[in-house]
Amino acid sequence: MSADILTFRPVPVPRAEAARRRAMLLHPSNFKSAVSTRTQAGRKAQELRTRFDCLYEDLTGRGLPANEARTEVARIAAREVWDGFAAELRNHRTAGRQLDANILAVALTSIQCVTRALPRHPGDLEYAGRAVGTARRRLQYNGGLLHRLHPHRNPAFEDAVATFESLEDFLLRPQPKAA
């Protein structure tokens, strides 16, 4: 049924037209599948694991001890997340979007613990794992608070959380011993 604009009375619609409209509402492009977001997150996590492993192999190939190479991978990844947030913050401030800039400032404060701690303790995997886990939890908590206060969600938070989850997994999983 449609409505006549002048009288606001329902206007009968032919059956074929009604079926076409229902079909358009049910079209797959109108849905965001939870499965597809999970597969995207899984794909991103796998890409990050592969990237961390390649960086680890490169660092150990250059003669860095195994534990120091793993904490160095964590330091590099955390620094990239920090640099990404800082660049976005500068862009938002330049464009005059203060609300978005404030959200990114909160993100930078959330991960400050990891960017300061990792260079101080090279080779200490337990400490690095705790620092990365703390940063991840702070990002999740602060991101949740900001989402409740400001309804538009910043995808940088979710990307950083995914990076820190993969990094935490990389630091805490046992590395195979070389023969």
N, C-alpha and C. Protein backbone atom coordinates (compact mmCIF):
# COMPACT_ATOMS: atom_id res chain seq x y z
N MET A 1 0.84 -1.17 0.00
CA MET A 1 0.00 0.00 0.00
C MET A 1 0.88 1.24 0.00
N SER A 2 0.45 2.23 -0.74
CA SER A 2 1.07 3.54 -0.75
C SER A 2 0.05 4.54 -0.27
N ALA A 3 0.47 5.75 -0.02
CA ALA A 3 -0.46 6.79 0.43
C ALA A 3 -0.55 7.87 -0.63
N ASP A 4 -1.78 8.34 -0.83
CA ASP A 4 -2.00 9.48 -1.71
C ASP A 4 -1.56 10.72 -0.93
N ILE A 5 -0.68 11.51 -1.51
CA ILE A 5 -0.08 12.64 -0.80
C ILE A 5 -1.12 13.69 -0.45
N LEU A 6 -2.09 13.92 -1.29
CA LEU A 6 -3.06 14.96 -1.02
C LEU A 6 -4.09 14.56 0.04
N THR A 7 -4.50 13.33 0.05
CA THR A 7 -5.56 12.90 0.99
C THR A 7 -5.03 12.01 2.11
N PHE A 8 -3.81 11.57 2.03
CA PHE A 8 -3.20 10.65 2.99
C PHE A 8 -4.00 9.37 3.16
N ARG A 9 -4.70 8.98 2.10
CA ARG A 9 -5.43 7.72 2.11
C ARG A 9 -4.57 6.67 1.42
N PRO A 10 -4.68 5.45 1.88
CA PRO A 10 -3.91 4.40 1.22
C PRO A 10 -4.39 4.19 -0.21
N VAL A 11 -3.43 4.03 -1.10
CA VAL A 11 -3.72 3.77 -2.51
C VAL A 11 -3.35 2.30 -2.75
N PRO A 12 -4.27 1.52 -3.29
CA PRO A 12 -3.95 0.11 -3.53
C PRO A 12 -2.81 -0.03 -4.55
N VAL A 13 -1.91 -0.93 -4.25
CA VAL A 13 -0.77 -1.20 -5.12
C VAL A 13 -0.98 -2.59 -5.71
N PRO A 14 -0.69 -2.75 -6.99
CA PRO A 14 -0.82 -4.08 -7.58
C PRO A 14 0.05 -5.10 -6.84
N ARG A 15 -0.41 -6.34 -6.84
CA ARG A 15 0.30 -7.41 -6.14
C ARG A 15 1.75 -7.54 -6.58
N ALA A 16 2.00 -7.43 -7.85
CA ALA A 16 3.36 -7.57 -8.37
C ALA A 16 4.26 -6.46 -7.83
N GLU A 17 3.72 -5.24 -7.76
CA GLU A 17 4.51 -4.12 -7.24
C GLU A 17 4.79 -4.32 -5.75
N ALA A 18 3.81 -4.78 -4.99
CA ALA A 18 4.01 -5.03 -3.56
C ALA A 18 5.06 -6.13 -3.34
N ALA A 19 5.01 -7.17 -4.16
CA ALA A 19 6.00 -8.25 -4.05
C ALA A 19 7.40 -7.72 -4.39
N ARG A 20 7.48 -6.86 -5.41
CA ARG A 20 8.78 -6.30 -5.78
C ARG A 20 9.35 -5.45 -4.65
N ARG A 21 8.50 -4.65 -4.01
CA ARG A 21 8.97 -3.81 -2.90
C ARG A 21 9.45 -4.65 -1.72
N ARG A 22 8.69 -5.71 -1.40
CA ARG A 22 9.13 -6.60 -0.30
C ARG A 22 10.45 -7.27 -0.63
N ALA A 23 10.61 -7.67 -1.88
CA ALA A 23 11.85 -8.32 -2.31
C ALA A 23 13.03 -7.35 -2.20
N MET A 24 12.79 -6.08 -2.53
CA MET A 24 13.86 -5.10 -2.42
C MET A 24 14.26 -4.88 -0.96
N LEU A 25 13.27 -4.93 -0.06
CA LEU A 25 13.59 -4.78 1.36
C LEU A 25 14.40 -5.97 1.87
N LEU A 26 14.16 -7.13 1.30
CA LEU A 26 14.86 -8.34 1.74
C LEU A 26 16.14 -8.61 0.96
N HIS A 27 16.50 -7.70 0.08
CA HIS A 27 17.70 -7.90 -0.73
C HIS A 27 18.95 -8.02 0.16
N PRO A 28 19.86 -8.91 -0.19
CA PRO A 28 21.05 -9.11 0.65
C PRO A 28 21.89 -7.86 0.86
N SER A 29 21.84 -6.92 -0.05
CA SER A 29 22.65 -5.71 0.13
C SER A 29 22.12 -4.84 1.26
N ASN A 30 20.91 -5.11 1.73
CA ASN A 30 20.36 -4.32 2.83
C ASN A 30 20.76 -4.85 4.20
N PHE A 31 21.52 -5.91 4.25
CA PHE A 31 21.90 -6.52 5.52
C PHE A 31 23.41 -6.47 5.70
N LYS A 32 23.83 -6.28 6.95
CA LYS A 32 25.23 -6.41 7.30
C LYS A 32 25.33 -7.68 8.13
N SER A 33 25.93 -8.64 7.57
CA SER A 33 26.01 -9.94 8.21
C SER A 33 27.05 -9.94 9.31
N ALA A 34 26.73 -10.51 10.45
CA ALA A 34 27.69 -10.64 11.54
C ALA A 34 28.80 -11.60 11.15
N VAL A 35 28.49 -12.56 10.30
CA VAL A 35 29.50 -13.51 9.86
C VAL A 35 30.56 -12.81 9.03
N SER A 36 30.15 -11.90 8.16
CA SER A 36 31.14 -11.22 7.32
C SER A 36 32.06 -10.35 8.15
N THR A 37 31.55 -9.70 9.20
CA THR A 37 32.43 -8.89 10.05
C THR A 37 33.38 -9.78 10.82
N ARG A 38 32.91 -10.96 11.23
CA ARG A 38 33.82 -11.89 11.92
C ARG A 38 34.90 -12.39 10.99
N THR A 39 34.53 -12.69 9.75
CA THR A 39 35.54 -13.16 8.82
C THR A 39 36.52 -12.05 8.47
N GLN A 40 36.04 -10.82 8.40
CA GLN A 40 36.95 -9.70 8.16
C GLN A 40 37.90 -9.52 9.34
N ALA A 41 37.39 -9.64 10.55
CA ALA A 41 38.24 -9.52 11.72
C ALA A 41 39.25 -10.66 11.77
N GLY A 42 38.81 -11.87 11.43
CA GLY A 42 39.72 -13.01 11.39
C GLY A 42 40.79 -12.84 10.33
N ARG A 43 40.38 -12.31 9.18
CA ARG A 43 41.34 -12.07 8.10
C ARG A 43 42.37 -11.02 8.52
N LYS A 44 41.90 -9.96 9.18
CA LYS A 44 42.81 -8.91 9.65
C LYS A 44 43.77 -9.46 10.70
N ALA A 45 43.25 -10.29 11.61
CA ALA A 45 44.11 -10.88 12.64
C ALA A 45 45.17 -11.77 12.01
N GLN A 46 44.78 -12.54 11.00
CA GLN A 46 45.74 -13.41 10.31
C GLN A 46 46.81 -12.58 9.59
N GLU A 47 46.40 -11.49 8.95
CA GLU A 47 47.35 -10.61 8.29
C GLU A 47 48.34 -10.02 9.29
N LEU A 48 47.82 -9.61 10.45
CA LEU A 48 48.69 -9.05 11.47
C LEU A 48 49.67 -10.10 12.00
N ARG A 49 49.17 -11.32 12.24
CA ARG A 49 50.07 -12.39 12.70
C ARG A 49 51.18 -12.64 11.70
N THR A 50 50.81 -12.71 10.44
CA THR A 50 51.81 -12.93 9.39
C THR A 50 52.81 -11.78 9.35
N ARG A 51 52.32 -10.57 9.47
CA ARG A 51 53.20 -9.40 9.46
C ARG A 51 54.15 -9.43 10.65
N PHE A 52 53.62 -9.74 11.84
CA PHE A 52 54.47 -9.80 13.03
C PHE A 52 55.52 -10.90 12.90
N ASP A 53 55.12 -12.06 12.36
CA ASP A 53 56.07 -13.16 12.18
C ASP A 53 57.18 -12.78 11.20
N CYS A 54 56.82 -12.11 10.11
CA CYS A 54 57.83 -11.69 9.13
C CYS A 54 58.79 -10.68 9.74
N LEU A 55 58.26 -9.74 10.49
CA LEU A 55 59.11 -8.75 11.14
C LEU A 55 60.03 -9.42 12.17
N TYR A 56 59.48 -10.38 12.89
CA TYR A 56 60.27 -11.13 13.87
C TYR A 56 61.42 -11.88 13.18
N GLU A 57 61.11 -12.55 12.08
CA GLU A 57 62.15 -13.28 11.33
C GLU A 57 63.22 -12.32 10.82
N ASP A 58 62.82 -11.15 10.37
CA ASP A 58 63.77 -10.17 9.89
C ASP A 58 64.69 -9.70 11.02
N LEU A 59 64.12 -9.43 12.18
CA LEU A 59 64.92 -8.96 13.31
C LEU A 59 65.86 -10.03 13.83
N THR A 60 65.38 -11.27 13.90
CA THR A 60 66.27 -12.34 14.37
C THR A 60 67.33 -12.63 13.31
N GLY A 61 67.01 -12.45 12.05
CA GLY A 61 67.99 -12.63 10.98
C GLY A 61 69.10 -11.58 11.05
N ARG A 62 68.79 -10.45 11.62
CA ARG A 62 69.80 -9.39 11.78
C ARG A 62 70.63 -9.58 13.05
N GLY A 63 70.35 -10.64 13.81
CA GLY A 63 71.17 -10.94 14.97
C GLY A 63 70.59 -10.55 16.31
N LEU A 64 69.37 -10.09 16.35
CA LEU A 64 68.73 -9.72 17.62
C LEU A 64 68.28 -11.00 18.33
N PRO A 65 68.52 -11.12 19.64
CA PRO A 65 68.03 -12.30 20.36
C PRO A 65 66.51 -12.43 20.25
N ALA A 66 66.03 -13.65 20.40
CA ALA A 66 64.61 -13.96 20.15
C ALA A 66 63.67 -13.11 20.99
N ASN A 67 63.88 -13.05 22.30
CA ASN A 67 62.96 -12.28 23.15
C ASN A 67 63.03 -10.79 22.85
N GLU A 68 64.21 -10.28 22.59
CA GLU A 68 64.32 -8.86 22.24
C GLU A 68 63.66 -8.57 20.90
N ALA A 69 63.75 -9.51 19.97
CA ALA A 69 63.09 -9.33 18.67
C ALA A 69 61.58 -9.28 18.85
N ARG A 70 61.04 -10.11 19.71
CA ARG A 70 59.59 -10.11 19.93
C ARG A 70 59.13 -8.81 20.59
N THR A 71 59.87 -8.32 21.57
CA THR A 71 59.47 -7.05 22.19
C THR A 71 59.69 -5.88 21.23
N GLU A 72 60.67 -6.00 20.35
CA GLU A 72 60.89 -4.96 19.34
C GLU A 72 59.73 -4.94 18.33
N VAL A 73 59.22 -6.10 17.97
CA VAL A 73 58.04 -6.17 17.10
C VAL A 73 56.87 -5.47 17.79
N ALA A 74 56.70 -5.71 19.07
CA ALA A 74 55.62 -5.07 19.83
C ALA A 74 55.82 -3.55 19.87
N ARG A 75 57.05 -3.12 20.07
CA ARG A 75 57.33 -1.68 20.12
C ARG A 75 57.03 -1.03 18.76
N ILE A 76 57.43 -1.67 17.68
CA ILE A 76 57.19 -1.12 16.34
C ILE A 76 55.69 -1.05 16.06
N ALA A 77 54.96 -2.11 16.37
CA ALA A 77 53.51 -2.12 16.11
C ALA A 77 52.79 -1.07 16.96
N ALA A 78 53.16 -0.96 18.23
CA ALA A 78 52.53 0.04 19.10
C ALA A 78 52.85 1.45 18.60
N ARG A 79 54.06 1.65 18.13
CA ARG A 79 54.44 2.97 17.61
C ARG A 79 53.66 3.31 16.35
N GLU A 80 53.39 2.31 15.51
CA GLU A 80 52.59 2.56 14.30
C GLU A 80 51.16 2.94 14.66
N VAL A 81 50.59 2.28 15.67
CA VAL A 81 49.24 2.64 16.12
C VAL A 81 49.25 4.06 16.66
N TRP A 82 50.26 4.38 17.48
CA TRP A 82 50.40 5.72 18.04
C TRP A 82 50.50 6.76 16.92
N ASP A 83 51.37 6.50 15.95
CA ASP A 83 51.56 7.45 14.85
C ASP A 83 50.28 7.63 14.04
N GLY A 84 49.53 6.55 13.86
CA GLY A 84 48.26 6.65 13.13
C GLY A 84 47.26 7.53 13.86
N PHE A 85 47.14 7.33 15.18
CA PHE A 85 46.24 8.18 15.97
C PHE A 85 46.70 9.63 15.95
N ALA A 86 48.01 9.85 16.09
CA ALA A 86 48.53 11.22 16.10
C ALA A 86 48.29 11.93 14.78
N ALA A 87 48.48 11.22 13.66
CA ALA A 87 48.23 11.83 12.35
C ALA A 87 46.76 12.19 12.19
N GLU A 88 45.87 11.28 12.60
CA GLU A 88 44.44 11.58 12.52
C GLU A 88 44.07 12.76 13.40
N LEU A 89 44.69 12.81 14.60
CA LEU A 89 44.43 13.91 15.52
C LEU A 89 44.82 15.25 14.87
N ARG A 90 45.99 15.29 14.26
CA ARG A 90 46.42 16.52 13.59
C ARG A 90 45.46 16.89 12.46
N ASN A 91 45.02 15.91 11.69
CA ASN A 91 44.09 16.18 10.59
C ASN A 91 42.77 16.74 11.09
N HIS A 92 42.25 16.16 12.16
CA HIS A 92 40.97 16.64 12.71
C HIS A 92 41.10 18.04 13.29
N ARG A 93 42.23 18.30 13.95
CA ARG A 93 42.42 19.64 14.50
C ARG A 93 42.56 20.67 13.38
N THR A 94 43.28 20.31 12.33
CA THR A 94 43.45 21.22 11.20
C THR A 94 42.11 21.50 10.53
N ALA A 95 41.27 20.48 10.43
CA ALA A 95 39.96 20.64 9.79
C ALA A 95 38.92 21.27 10.72
N GLY A 96 39.27 21.46 11.99
CA GLY A 96 38.34 22.08 12.93
C GLY A 96 37.32 21.14 13.51
N ARG A 97 37.55 19.84 13.42
CA ARG A 97 36.62 18.85 14.00
C ARG A 97 37.11 18.50 15.40
N GLN A 98 36.77 19.36 16.36
CA GLN A 98 37.30 19.23 17.71
C GLN A 98 36.80 17.99 18.43
N LEU A 99 35.55 17.60 18.20
CA LEU A 99 35.02 16.41 18.86
C LEU A 99 35.81 15.17 18.46
N ASP A 100 36.06 15.01 17.17
CA ASP A 100 36.86 13.87 16.71
C ASP A 100 38.29 13.96 17.23
N ALA A 101 38.83 15.17 17.30
CA ALA A 101 40.18 15.34 17.83
C ALA A 101 40.24 14.94 19.31
N ASN A 102 39.21 15.28 20.06
CA ASN A 102 39.18 14.91 21.48
C ASN A 102 39.12 13.40 21.66
N ILE A 103 38.35 12.74 20.80
CA ILE A 103 38.24 11.28 20.87
C ILE A 103 39.60 10.64 20.61
N LEU A 104 40.34 11.16 19.62
CA LEU A 104 41.66 10.61 19.32
C LEU A 104 42.67 10.94 20.41
N ALA A 105 42.50 12.07 21.08
CA ALA A 105 43.38 12.39 22.21
C ALA A 105 43.17 11.39 23.34
N VAL A 106 41.94 10.96 23.54
CA VAL A 106 41.66 9.93 24.55
C VAL A 106 42.33 8.61 24.14
N ALA A 107 42.29 8.30 22.86
CA ALA A 107 42.93 7.07 22.38
C ALA A 107 44.44 7.13 22.61
N LEU A 108 45.05 8.26 22.33
CA LEU A 108 46.49 8.39 22.55
C LEU A 108 46.84 8.24 24.02
N THR A 109 46.02 8.80 24.89
CA THR A 109 46.25 8.65 26.33
C THR A 109 46.09 7.20 26.75
N SER A 110 45.16 6.49 26.11
CA SER A 110 44.91 5.09 26.45
C SER A 110 46.10 4.21 26.14
N ILE A 111 46.82 4.50 25.07
CA ILE A 111 47.92 3.62 24.67
C ILE A 111 49.28 4.16 25.08
N GLN A 112 49.29 5.25 25.81
CA GLN A 112 50.55 5.84 26.25
C GLN A 112 51.35 4.87 27.11
N CYS A 113 50.66 4.04 27.87
CA CYS A 113 51.34 3.09 28.75
C CYS A 113 52.23 2.12 27.97
N VAL A 114 51.80 1.72 26.81
CA VAL A 114 52.57 0.73 26.05
C VAL A 114 53.72 1.39 25.29
N THR A 115 53.52 2.59 24.80
CA THR A 115 54.59 3.23 24.03
C THR A 115 55.74 3.68 24.91
N ARG A 116 55.46 3.93 26.17
CA ARG A 116 56.53 4.30 27.10
C ARG A 116 57.20 3.09 27.73
N ALA A 117 56.45 2.03 27.94
CA ALA A 117 56.96 0.88 28.68
C ALA A 117 57.84 -0.05 27.84
N LEU A 118 57.46 -0.28 26.60
CA LEU A 118 58.19 -1.27 25.80
C LEU A 118 59.66 -0.93 25.56
N PRO A 119 60.03 0.32 25.28
CA PRO A 119 61.46 0.59 25.09
C PRO A 119 62.28 0.43 26.37
N ARG A 120 61.65 0.52 27.53
CA ARG A 120 62.37 0.42 28.81
C ARG A 120 62.73 -1.00 29.19
N HIS A 121 62.02 -1.98 28.65
CA HIS A 121 62.20 -3.38 29.05
C HIS A 121 62.39 -4.28 27.83
N PRO A 122 63.47 -4.13 27.08
CA PRO A 122 63.66 -5.00 25.91
C PRO A 122 63.92 -6.44 26.34
N GLY A 123 63.22 -7.35 25.70
CA GLY A 123 63.42 -8.77 25.98
C GLY A 123 62.54 -9.34 27.07
N ASP A 124 61.82 -8.53 27.80
CA ASP A 124 60.94 -9.02 28.88
C ASP A 124 59.55 -9.25 28.30
N LEU A 125 59.29 -10.49 27.88
CA LEU A 125 58.03 -10.81 27.21
C LEU A 125 56.83 -10.70 28.13
N GLU A 126 56.99 -11.09 29.38
CA GLU A 126 55.87 -11.02 30.32
C GLU A 126 55.45 -9.56 30.53
N TYR A 127 56.43 -8.70 30.73
CA TYR A 127 56.14 -7.28 30.93
C TYR A 127 55.51 -6.68 29.67
N ALA A 128 56.04 -7.02 28.50
CA ALA A 128 55.50 -6.51 27.25
C ALA A 128 54.06 -6.98 27.04
N GLY A 129 53.80 -8.25 27.36
CA GLY A 129 52.44 -8.78 27.24
C GLY A 129 51.46 -8.05 28.14
N ARG A 130 51.90 -7.77 29.38
CA ARG A 130 51.03 -7.03 30.31
C ARG A 130 50.79 -5.61 29.82
N ALA A 131 51.82 -4.96 29.31
CA ALA A 131 51.67 -3.58 28.81
C ALA A 131 50.71 -3.52 27.62
N VAL A 132 50.86 -4.45 26.70
CA VAL A 132 49.98 -4.49 25.52
C VAL A 132 48.55 -4.80 25.95
N GLY A 133 48.39 -5.74 26.88
CA GLY A 133 47.05 -6.08 27.38
C GLY A 133 46.39 -4.90 28.08
N THR A 134 47.17 -4.16 28.85
CA THR A 134 46.63 -2.98 29.53
C THR A 134 46.18 -1.94 28.51
N ALA A 135 46.99 -1.71 27.50
CA ALA A 135 46.61 -0.73 26.47
C ALA A 135 45.35 -1.17 25.75
N ARG A 136 45.24 -2.46 25.44
CA ARG A 136 44.05 -2.98 24.75
C ARG A 136 42.81 -2.78 25.62
N ARG A 137 42.90 -3.13 26.91
CA ARG A 137 41.75 -2.97 27.79
C ARG A 137 41.35 -1.50 27.95
N ARG A 138 42.34 -0.62 28.05
CA ARG A 138 42.03 0.81 28.17
C ARG A 138 41.34 1.32 26.90
N LEU A 139 41.83 0.89 25.75
CA LEU A 139 41.18 1.30 24.50
C LEU A 139 39.74 0.81 24.43
N GLN A 140 39.53 -0.44 24.81
CA GLN A 140 38.17 -0.99 24.77
C GLN A 140 37.25 -0.23 25.73
N TYR A 141 37.73 0.01 26.93
CA TYR A 141 36.91 0.70 27.94
C TYR A 141 36.62 2.13 27.51
N ASN A 142 37.67 2.87 27.15
CA ASN A 142 37.47 4.26 26.75
C ASN A 142 36.68 4.37 25.45
N GLY A 143 36.89 3.45 24.54
CA GLY A 143 36.10 3.45 23.31
C GLY A 143 34.62 3.21 23.59
N GLY A 144 34.33 2.32 24.53
CA GLY A 144 32.94 2.08 24.91
C GLY A 144 32.31 3.30 25.56
N LEU A 145 33.06 3.97 26.43
CA LEU A 145 32.54 5.19 27.06
C LEU A 145 32.27 6.27 26.02
N LEU A 146 33.22 6.45 25.12
CA LEU A 146 33.04 7.48 24.11
C LEU A 146 31.88 7.17 23.18
N HIS A 147 31.67 5.88 22.89
CA HIS A 147 30.56 5.52 22.03
C HIS A 147 29.23 5.85 22.70
N ARG A 148 29.15 5.67 24.02
CA ARG A 148 27.91 6.02 24.72
C ARG A 148 27.70 7.53 24.75
N LEU A 149 28.80 8.30 24.84
CA LEU A 149 28.68 9.75 24.89
C LEU A 149 28.45 10.37 23.51
N HIS A 150 29.14 9.81 22.50
CA HIS A 150 29.07 10.33 21.14
C HIS A 150 28.71 9.18 20.22
N PRO A 151 27.53 9.21 19.65
CA PRO A 151 27.04 8.04 18.91
C PRO A 151 27.85 7.64 17.68
N HIS A 152 28.62 8.53 17.09
CA HIS A 152 29.39 8.08 15.93
C HIS A 152 30.68 7.43 16.42
N ARG A 153 30.88 6.22 15.97
CA ARG A 153 32.01 5.40 16.42
C ARG A 153 33.22 5.66 15.52
N ASN A 154 34.39 5.72 16.14
CA ASN A 154 35.62 5.92 15.38
C ASN A 154 36.23 4.54 15.10
N PRO A 155 36.35 4.16 13.83
CA PRO A 155 36.87 2.83 13.51
C PRO A 155 38.33 2.65 13.90
N ALA A 156 39.04 3.73 14.15
CA ALA A 156 40.44 3.61 14.55
C ALA A 156 40.57 2.89 15.88
N PHE A 157 39.60 3.06 16.78
CA PHE A 157 39.61 2.36 18.06
C PHE A 157 39.56 0.85 17.84
N GLU A 158 38.62 0.43 16.98
CA GLU A 158 38.45 -1.00 16.75
C GLU A 158 39.67 -1.61 16.07
N ASP A 159 40.27 -0.87 15.13
CA ASP A 159 41.49 -1.35 14.46
C ASP A 159 42.64 -1.47 15.45
N ALA A 160 42.76 -0.48 16.34
CA ALA A 160 43.84 -0.53 17.33
C ALA A 160 43.64 -1.67 18.31
N VAL A 161 42.41 -1.90 18.72
CA VAL A 161 42.13 -3.02 19.62
C VAL A 161 42.48 -4.34 18.95
N ALA A 162 42.11 -4.49 17.68
CA ALA A 162 42.45 -5.72 16.94
C ALA A 162 43.96 -5.88 16.82
N THR A 163 44.66 -4.80 16.58
CA THR A 163 46.12 -4.87 16.50
C THR A 163 46.72 -5.29 17.82
N PHE A 164 46.24 -4.70 18.91
CA PHE A 164 46.78 -5.06 20.22
C PHE A 164 46.42 -6.49 20.63
N GLU A 165 45.24 -6.97 20.22
CA GLU A 165 44.89 -8.37 20.50
C GLU A 165 45.85 -9.32 19.78
N SER A 166 46.11 -9.03 18.51
CA SER A 166 47.04 -9.87 17.75
C SER A 166 48.45 -9.77 18.31
N LEU A 167 48.83 -8.59 18.73
CA LEU A 167 50.16 -8.38 19.30
C LEU A 167 50.30 -9.12 20.63
N GLU A 168 49.26 -9.08 21.43
CA GLU A 168 49.28 -9.80 22.71
C GLU A 168 49.41 -11.30 22.47
N ASP A 169 48.67 -11.79 21.49
CA ASP A 169 48.77 -13.20 21.13
C ASP A 169 50.17 -13.54 20.65
N PHE A 170 50.77 -12.67 19.84
CA PHE A 170 52.12 -12.87 19.33
C PHE A 170 53.13 -12.93 20.48
N LEU A 171 52.98 -12.05 21.44
CA LEU A 171 53.94 -12.01 22.55
C LEU A 171 53.81 -13.19 23.50
N LEU A 172 52.61 -13.66 23.71
CA LEU A 172 52.38 -14.68 24.73
C LEU A 172 52.43 -16.11 24.20
N ARG A 173 52.33 -16.29 22.88
CA ARG A 173 52.39 -17.66 22.36
C ARG A 173 53.85 -18.10 22.28
N PRO A 174 54.09 -19.36 22.54
CA PRO A 174 55.48 -19.84 22.48
C PRO A 174 55.98 -19.89 21.03
N GLN A 175 57.19 -19.45 20.83
CA GLN A 175 57.80 -19.50 19.51
C GLN A 175 58.48 -20.86 19.33
N PRO A 176 58.39 -21.43 18.13
CA PRO A 176 59.05 -22.70 17.90
C PRO A 176 60.56 -22.55 17.99
N LYS A 177 61.21 -23.54 18.57
CA LYS A 177 62.67 -23.51 18.71
C LYS A 177 63.31 -23.85 17.38
N ALA A 178 64.33 -23.12 17.02
CA ALA A 178 65.06 -23.39 15.78
C ALA A 178 65.95 -24.61 15.97
N ALA A 179 66.08 -25.44 14.95
CA ALA A 179 66.89 -26.65 15.06
C ALA A 179 68.34 -26.38 14.83
